[in-house]
Protein backbone atom coordinates (compact mmCIF):
# COMPACT_ATOMS: atom_id res chain seq x y z
CA UNK A 1 0.00 0.00 0.00
CA UNK A 2 1.12 3.55 -0.79
CA UNK A 3 0.13 6.99 0.47
CA UNK A 4 -0.02 10.32 -1.31
CA UNK A 5 -0.14 13.17 1.18
CA UNK A 6 -1.54 16.46 -0.12
CA UNK A 7 -0.63 19.57 1.85
CA UNK A 8 -2.06 23.04 1.22
CA UNK A 9 -3.68 25.95 3.01
CA UNK A 10 -7.38 25.57 2.27
CA UNK A 11 -7.30 22.04 0.90
CA UNK A 12 -10.85 20.93 0.01
CA UNK A 13 -12.71 17.64 -0.17
CA UNK A 14 -13.39 18.39 -3.82
CA UNK A 15 -9.67 18.56 -4.54
CA UNK A 16 -9.13 15.27 -2.77
CA UNK A 17 -11.83 13.62 -4.83
CA UNK A 18 -10.22 15.02 -7.98
CA UNK A 19 -6.87 13.68 -6.79
CA UNK A 20 -8.44 10.27 -6.27
CA UNK A 21 -9.86 10.37 -9.78
CA UNK A 22 -6.42 11.24 -11.13
CA UNK A 23 -4.93 8.25 -9.32
CA UNK A 24 -7.59 6.01 -10.82
CA UNK A 25 -6.88 7.32 -14.33
CA UNK A 26 -3.16 6.64 -13.79
CA UNK A 27 -3.89 3.03 -12.85
CA UNK A 28 -2.89 3.43 -9.20
CA UNK A 29 -6.03 1.79 -7.72
CA UNK A 30 -7.01 4.41 -5.11
CA UNK A 31 -8.41 3.10 -1.82
CA UNK A 32 -9.98 6.27 -0.36
CA UNK A 33 -8.71 9.29 1.57
CA UNK A 34 -8.60 10.65 5.14
CA UNK A 35 -7.87 14.02 6.69
CA UNK A 36 -4.75 14.37 8.83
CA UNK A 37 -5.78 17.94 9.68
CA UNK A 38 -8.92 19.16 7.94
CA UNK A 39 -8.30 21.79 5.28
CA UNK A 40 -4.52 21.46 5.51
CA UNK A 41 -3.30 17.90 5.01
CA UNK A 42 -4.84 14.62 3.86
CA UNK A 43 -3.74 11.12 2.88
CA UNK A 44 -4.88 9.28 -0.23
CA UNK A 45 -4.29 5.53 -0.11
CA UNK A 46 -3.54 3.62 -3.31
CA UNK A 47 -2.31 0.18 -4.28
CA UNK A 48 0.28 0.50 -7.05
CA UNK A 49 2.53 2.58 -9.33
CA UNK A 50 3.91 5.28 -7.00
CA UNK A 51 5.85 7.01 -9.79
CA UNK A 52 2.69 7.29 -11.87
CA UNK A 53 0.89 8.67 -8.81
CA UNK A 54 3.52 11.33 -8.30
CA UNK A 55 3.35 12.33 -11.96
CA UNK A 56 -0.44 12.49 -11.83
CA UNK A 57 -0.62 14.67 -8.73
CA UNK A 58 2.41 16.98 -8.68
CA UNK A 59 1.48 20.36 -10.12
CA UNK A 60 -2.19 19.41 -10.48
CA UNK A 61 -3.32 21.75 -7.68
CA UNK A 62 -2.13 25.30 -7.05
CA UNK A 63 0.20 25.89 -4.08
CA UNK A 64 -0.05 22.24 -3.03
CA UNK A 65 2.78 19.95 -1.97
CA UNK A 66 2.46 16.26 -2.80
CA UNK A 67 4.43 13.56 -0.96
CA UNK A 68 4.22 9.99 -2.27
CA UNK A 69 5.65 7.12 -0.21
CA UNK A 70 5.08 3.60 0.99
CA UNK A 71 2.68 3.23 3.90
CA UNK A 72 5.08 1.09 5.94
CA UNK A 73 7.77 2.83 8.02
CA UNK A 74 6.25 6.22 7.48
CA UNK A 75 7.35 7.81 10.75
CA UNK A 76 11.09 8.52 10.65
CA UNK A 77 13.62 7.96 13.42
CA UNK A 78 16.49 10.09 12.10
CA UNK A 79 16.49 13.70 10.89
CA UNK A 80 19.59 15.05 9.15
CA UNK A 81 19.18 18.64 7.97
CA UNK A 82 21.07 21.35 6.18
CA UNK A 83 21.11 24.81 7.79
CA UNK A 84 21.49 27.70 5.33
CA UNK A 85 18.35 28.35 3.27
CA UNK A 86 16.81 25.27 4.89
CA UNK A 87 16.55 25.48 8.68
CA UNK A 88 17.22 29.22 8.44
CA UNK A 89 16.11 31.65 5.76
CA UNK A 90 19.51 33.03 4.69
CA UNK A 91 22.97 31.98 3.53
CA UNK A 92 25.14 33.08 6.46
CA UNK A 93 28.30 33.58 4.42
CA UNK A 94 26.46 35.98 2.08
CA UNK A 95 25.07 37.97 5.00
CA UNK A 96 28.46 38.04 6.73
CA UNK A 97 30.01 39.29 3.50
CA UNK A 98 27.58 42.21 3.60
CA UNK A 99 29.37 43.51 6.70
CA UNK A 100 32.53 43.53 4.58
CA UNK A 101 30.74 45.31 1.73
CA UNK A 102 31.10 42.39 -0.71
CA UNK A 103 27.76 40.58 -0.47
CA UNK A 104 26.96 40.68 -4.19
CA UNK A 105 30.35 39.20 -5.12
CA UNK A 106 30.13 36.40 -2.57
CA UNK A 107 26.45 35.65 -3.21
CA UNK A 108 27.13 34.96 -6.89
CA UNK A 109 29.65 32.29 -5.96
CA UNK A 110 27.30 30.83 -3.33
CA UNK A 111 24.48 30.54 -5.86
CA UNK A 112 26.70 28.75 -8.37
CA UNK A 113 28.04 26.38 -5.71
CA UNK A 114 24.52 25.52 -4.52
CA UNK A 115 23.50 24.83 -8.12
CA UNK A 116 26.34 22.35 -8.44
CA UNK A 117 28.30 24.46 -10.92
CA UNK A 118 31.40 24.79 -8.70
CA UNK A 119 33.38 22.50 -6.43
CA UNK A 120 31.96 23.19 -2.96
CA UNK A 121 35.23 23.11 -1.01
CA UNK A 122 37.08 25.33 -3.48
CA UNK A 123 34.19 27.77 -3.61
CA UNK A 124 34.05 27.94 0.18
CA UNK A 125 37.77 28.61 0.45
CA UNK A 126 37.50 31.35 -2.16
CA UNK A 127 34.59 33.07 -0.41
CA UNK A 128 36.12 32.85 3.06
CA UNK A 129 39.37 34.32 1.70
CA UNK A 130 37.41 37.44 0.76
CA UNK A 131 36.45 37.88 4.42
CA UNK A 132 40.07 38.20 5.58
CA UNK A 133 40.51 40.91 8.26
CA UNK A 134 36.77 41.23 8.93
CA UNK A 135 36.17 42.02 12.61
CA UNK A 136 35.04 38.94 14.56
CA UNK A 137 32.24 41.02 16.08
CA UNK A 138 30.51 40.98 12.68
CA UNK A 139 29.65 37.31 13.26
CA UNK A 140 27.58 38.05 16.35
CA UNK A 141 25.98 41.05 14.67
CA UNK A 142 25.06 38.93 11.68
CA UNK A 143 23.61 36.22 13.90
CA UNK A 144 21.49 38.72 15.80
CA UNK A 145 20.42 40.90 12.87
CA UNK A 146 20.11 38.57 9.88
CA UNK A 147 19.58 34.95 10.90
CA UNK A 148 15.93 33.89 11.12
CA UNK A 149 14.55 30.40 11.58
CA UNK A 150 12.58 28.97 8.69
CA UNK A 151 8.83 28.65 9.36
CA UNK A 152 8.01 25.29 10.89
CA UNK A 153 11.63 24.30 11.50
CA UNK A 154 11.50 24.38 15.29
CA UNK A 155 8.24 22.41 15.41
CA UNK A 156 9.67 19.76 13.07
CA UNK A 157 12.89 19.26 15.02
CA UNK A 158 11.43 19.36 18.52
CA UNK A 159 8.54 17.06 17.65
CA UNK A 160 10.79 14.44 16.07
CA UNK A 161 13.24 14.60 18.96
CA UNK A 162 10.43 14.30 21.52
CA UNK A 163 9.27 11.16 19.72
CA UNK A 164 12.72 9.57 20.02
CA UNK A 165 14.36 10.51 16.73
CA UNK A 166 18.03 11.42 16.49
CA UNK A 167 18.27 14.97 15.09
CA UNK A 168 21.47 16.21 13.44
CA UNK A 169 22.18 19.61 11.90
CA UNK A 170 25.03 19.24 9.39
CA UNK A 171 26.06 22.41 7.60
CA UNK A 172 28.61 23.55 5.08
CA UNK A 173 28.34 26.86 6.93
CA UNK A 174 30.04 27.80 10.16
CA UNK A 175 29.92 26.64 13.77
CA UNK A 176 29.54 30.21 15.03
CA UNK A 177 26.11 30.21 13.39
CA UNK A 178 25.21 26.51 13.42
CA UNK A 179 25.76 25.93 17.14
CA UNK A 180 23.36 28.65 18.37
CA UNK A 181 20.87 27.85 15.59
CA UNK A 182 21.02 24.15 16.45
CA UNK A 183 20.41 24.91 20.12
CA UNK A 184 17.43 27.14 19.35
CA UNK A 185 15.87 24.54 17.07
CA UNK A 186 16.48 21.63 19.42
CA UNK A 187 18.99 19.58 17.43
CA UNK A 188 20.82 16.92 19.40
CA UNK A 189 24.01 17.28 17.34
CA UNK A 190 25.57 20.01 15.21
CA UNK A 191 28.34 19.59 12.61
CA UNK A 192 29.72 22.57 10.66
CA UNK A 193 32.87 24.28 9.44
CA UNK A 194 35.05 26.38 11.72
CA UNK A 195 36.13 29.86 10.68
CA UNK A 196 39.71 30.58 11.75
CA UNK A 197 40.16 33.76 13.79
CA UNK A 198 43.29 35.43 15.08
CA UNK A 199 43.47 38.54 17.25
CA UNK A 200 39.77 39.27 16.86
CA UNK A 201 39.73 39.22 13.05
CA UNK A 202 39.00 36.55 10.46
CA UNK A 203 42.11 35.04 8.89
CA UNK A 204 40.36 34.29 5.61
CA UNK A 205 40.66 30.56 6.14
CA UNK A 206 38.46 27.71 7.32
CA UNK A 207 39.69 24.73 9.33
CA UNK A 208 40.18 21.48 7.44
CA UNK A 209 38.72 19.06 6.64
CA UNK A 210 35.78 20.97 5.21
CA UNK A 211 32.24 19.80 5.93
CA UNK A 212 30.97 19.04 2.43
CA UNK A 213 28.62 16.72 0.57
CA UNK A 214 30.58 13.62 1.56
CA UNK A 215 30.50 14.66 5.21
CA UNK A 216 26.73 15.04 5.10
CA UNK A 217 26.27 11.62 3.51
CA UNK A 218 28.66 9.97 5.96
CA UNK A 219 26.90 11.64 8.89
CA UNK A 220 23.58 10.13 7.80
CA UNK A 221 25.03 6.67 7.16
CA UNK A 222 26.89 6.61 10.49
CA UNK A 223 23.80 7.74 12.38
CA UNK A 224 21.77 4.92 10.83
CA UNK A 225 24.43 2.42 11.89
CA UNK A 226 24.60 3.87 15.39
CA UNK A 227 20.84 3.51 15.87
CA UNK A 228 20.61 0.18 13.99
CA UNK A 229 18.20 1.72 11.48
CA UNK A 230 17.65 1.12 7.78
CA UNK A 231 17.80 3.98 5.28
CA UNK A 232 13.98 3.99 5.18
CA UNK A 233 13.97 5.36 8.73
CA UNK A 234 15.86 8.53 7.72
CA UNK A 235 14.55 11.96 6.77
CA UNK A 236 17.09 14.26 5.10
CA UNK A 237 16.25 17.80 4.04
CA UNK A 238 18.28 20.42 2.18
CA UNK A 239 18.26 22.84 -0.72
CA UNK A 240 21.66 22.79 -2.44
CA UNK A 241 23.81 20.50 -4.54
CA UNK A 242 25.96 19.59 -1.53
CA UNK A 243 22.82 18.09 0.06
CA UNK A 244 22.08 15.72 -2.82
CA UNK A 245 24.09 12.74 -1.58
CA UNK A 246 22.38 12.65 1.82
CA UNK A 247 18.96 13.29 0.25
CA UNK A 248 19.43 10.31 -2.07
CA UNK A 249 20.50 8.08 0.86
CA UNK A 250 17.46 8.82 3.01
CA UNK A 251 14.16 6.97 2.92
CA UNK A 252 12.53 10.39 2.71
CA UNK A 253 14.89 12.78 0.93
CA UNK A 254 13.40 16.26 0.78
CA UNK A 255 14.30 19.17 -1.48
CA UNK A 256 13.14 22.28 0.41
CA UNK A 257 12.68 25.40 -1.76
CA UNK A 258 15.55 23.80 -3.61
CA UNK A 259 17.85 24.57 -6.52
CA UNK A 260 16.73 22.90 -9.78
CA UNK A 261 19.34 20.13 -9.69
CA UNK A 262 18.16 19.12 -6.22
CA UNK A 263 14.43 19.45 -6.90
CA UNK A 264 14.77 17.23 -9.97
CA UNK A 265 16.61 14.46 -8.10
CA UNK A 266 14.82 14.35 -4.74
CA UNK A 267 12.03 11.92 -3.99
CA UNK A 268 10.10 14.65 -2.18
CA UNK A 269 9.81 18.37 -2.91
CA UNK A 270 8.49 20.92 -0.43
CA UNK A 271 7.87 24.05 -2.45
CA UNK A 272 4.98 25.75 -0.64
CA UNK A 273 4.33 24.59 2.93
CA UNK A 274 6.50 25.33 5.99
CA UNK A 275 8.88 22.68 7.28
CA UNK A 276 6.35 21.38 9.79
CA UNK A 277 4.63 19.82 6.75
CA UNK A 278 7.18 17.04 7.08
CA UNK A 279 5.31 15.98 10.22
CA UNK A 280 2.12 15.62 8.17
CA UNK A 281 4.20 13.57 5.73
CA UNK A 282 4.88 11.22 8.64
CA UNK A 283 1.17 10.99 9.43
CA UNK A 284 1.33 13.18 12.56
CA UNK A 285 -1.62 15.55 13.15
CA UNK A 286 -1.08 18.93 14.81
CA UNK A 287 -2.37 17.71 18.18
CA UNK A 288 0.78 15.58 18.43
CA UNK A 289 3.24 18.33 17.56
CA UNK A 290 5.60 20.03 20.01
CA UNK A 291 4.99 23.76 19.67
């Protein structure tokens, strides 16, 4: 048995019936539908052809996210998440560069790296080099003035952790941002790069080895081994090319407001709803969420 979860603000019974009809036309043998939370999230059960179901439903309804998965093992026991432009709304290195007056220059490189057009480690080294001699105090200013949590992120993390999941924030960004962000969101573990600082100013270097795509994938795999879980028990969420490896490894790999290369490859896209929608994807109604 499979489940297609439809998530939207103002979801109607009429849309769900239309979705069921679309599944029938695609040969998926629909078995009925149920609300998770009325008007916001619902499950449609069907018997076969999950890829055909996804093709039939994605894009069929305005501002609606569609998540297709097997019914078994739906609730996840591991969350591995990216930080920049995923758990928070900004790219920290771009915002930090603004305090040095070079945001536009750095942001162009960030965008290309996240699209997979540049080697991540080389691009990070190049951008950090441009921050040489920036006052260390700019980090705390940036954290206080620019960094905002993504809608639904805290609810997602704290609910999964309260239900016994291991939660790991793994970022190609910097510990000076990731550690306080991880604490605010409720992550059990935080992994990120370390900016090197000497005499109160940035040296223009980052400690090696760099946290990159391979690190993110290895973090997920090692966490599964540690908890004696299969890949199906993992939820991985990110937006950039350096998140692709961990997204592909996870039972539920989610592209969140993602770059095209990531959106095309991920099994799940979240383009409209806040991150707490990933609790609906696990079948959890709002009455079970940690606010």
